[in-house]
Amino acid sequence: MQSKFDNDEEIEEFYKLVSNNVKKYRLLKGMTQMDLGLEIGIKSVAFFSNCESLRYGKHFNIEHIFRLSKVLDKEICDFF
């Protein structure tokens, strides 16, 4: 029996959706990756950049999304 969670491709698409929305809302606010990263407590622009571009398997976690929603004045569900 195959698990509903065996599809890595679907998970990657989900991460891509979240990352694309973070970038879209960041740009609409006129913020750099560094500015937004610092606002949400990420001190490394490289880490933020990697999350936004999904490099090296990095992605935003639920705490990041919560903080991003506050700084960008968005509902949490807007990122999904």
Protein backbone atom coordinates (compact mmCIF):
# COMPACT_ATOMS: atom_id res chain seq x y z
CA MET A 1 0.00 0.00 0.00
CA GLN A 2 1.44 3.36 -1.02
CA SER A 3 1.34 6.27 1.40
CA LYS A 4 -0.27 9.52 0.30
CA PHE A 5 2.99 11.20 1.23
CA ASP A 6 5.35 9.27 -1.03
CA ASN A 7 5.23 11.88 -3.77
CA ASP A 8 8.30 14.09 -3.31
CA GLU A 9 7.39 15.98 -6.47
CA GLU A 10 4.14 17.16 -4.91
CA ILE A 11 5.97 18.32 -1.78
CA GLU A 12 8.52 20.20 -3.91
CA GLU A 13 5.64 21.95 -5.73
CA PHE A 14 4.20 22.96 -2.37
CA TYR A 15 7.55 24.43 -1.24
CA LYS A 16 7.84 26.21 -4.59
CA LEU A 17 4.37 27.75 -4.17
CA VAL A 18 5.24 29.04 -0.70
CA SER A 19 8.63 30.41 -1.80
CA ASN A 20 7.15 32.13 -4.86
CA ASN A 21 4.50 33.78 -2.69
CA VAL A 22 7.09 34.95 -0.16
CA LYS A 23 9.09 36.53 -2.98
CA LYS A 24 5.98 38.10 -4.55
CA TYR A 25 4.83 39.71 -1.29
CA ARG A 26 8.39 40.78 -0.40
CA LEU A 27 8.78 42.56 -3.73
CA LEU A 28 5.34 44.18 -3.42
CA LYS A 29 6.51 45.65 -0.10
CA GLY A 30 9.73 46.85 -1.74
CA MET A 31 11.91 44.86 0.67
CA THR A 32 15.22 43.18 0.01
CA GLN A 33 15.90 39.64 1.14
CA MET A 34 18.22 41.04 3.79
CA ASP A 35 15.62 43.50 5.11
CA LEU A 36 12.89 40.88 5.35
CA GLY A 37 15.22 38.24 6.73
CA LEU A 38 16.33 40.55 9.53
CA GLU A 39 12.72 41.51 10.27
CA ILE A 40 11.78 37.88 10.85
CA GLY A 41 14.94 37.01 12.78
CA ILE A 42 17.05 35.41 10.04
CA LYS A 43 20.48 36.97 10.27
CA SER A 44 21.90 35.32 7.16
CA VAL A 45 20.83 36.71 3.79
CA ALA A 46 22.27 33.55 2.22
CA PHE A 47 19.93 31.37 4.29
CA PHE A 48 16.92 33.53 3.37
CA SER A 49 17.94 33.45 -0.30
CA ASN A 50 18.32 29.67 -0.18
CA CYS A 51 14.84 29.32 1.33
CA GLU A 52 13.31 31.64 -1.26
CA SER A 53 14.96 29.75 -4.13
CA LEU A 54 14.82 26.26 -2.53
CA ARG A 55 18.58 25.85 -2.92
CA TYR A 56 20.31 23.12 -0.96
CA GLY A 57 16.96 21.73 0.21
CA LYS A 58 16.27 24.82 2.34
CA HIS A 59 12.71 26.06 2.76
CA PHE A 60 10.67 28.25 5.07
CA ASN A 61 9.24 26.56 8.16
CA ILE A 62 5.95 27.32 9.88
CA GLU A 63 7.56 29.80 12.28
CA HIS A 64 9.05 31.68 9.34
CA ILE A 65 5.62 31.78 7.66
CA PHE A 66 4.03 33.10 10.85
CA ARG A 67 6.62 35.87 11.14
CA LEU A 68 6.45 36.65 7.41
CA SER A 69 2.68 37.04 7.66
CA LYS A 70 3.10 39.65 10.40
CA VAL A 71 5.82 41.66 8.65
CA LEU A 72 4.20 41.52 5.21
CA ASP A 73 0.66 42.14 6.55
CA LYS A 74 -0.67 38.95 4.99
CA GLU A 75 -2.81 36.11 6.26
CA ILE A 76 -0.89 32.87 6.77
CA CYS A 77 -3.09 31.17 4.16
CA ASP A 78 -1.94 33.73 1.54
CA PHE A 79 1.38 31.91 1.34
CA PHE A 80 -0.30 28.63 0.41
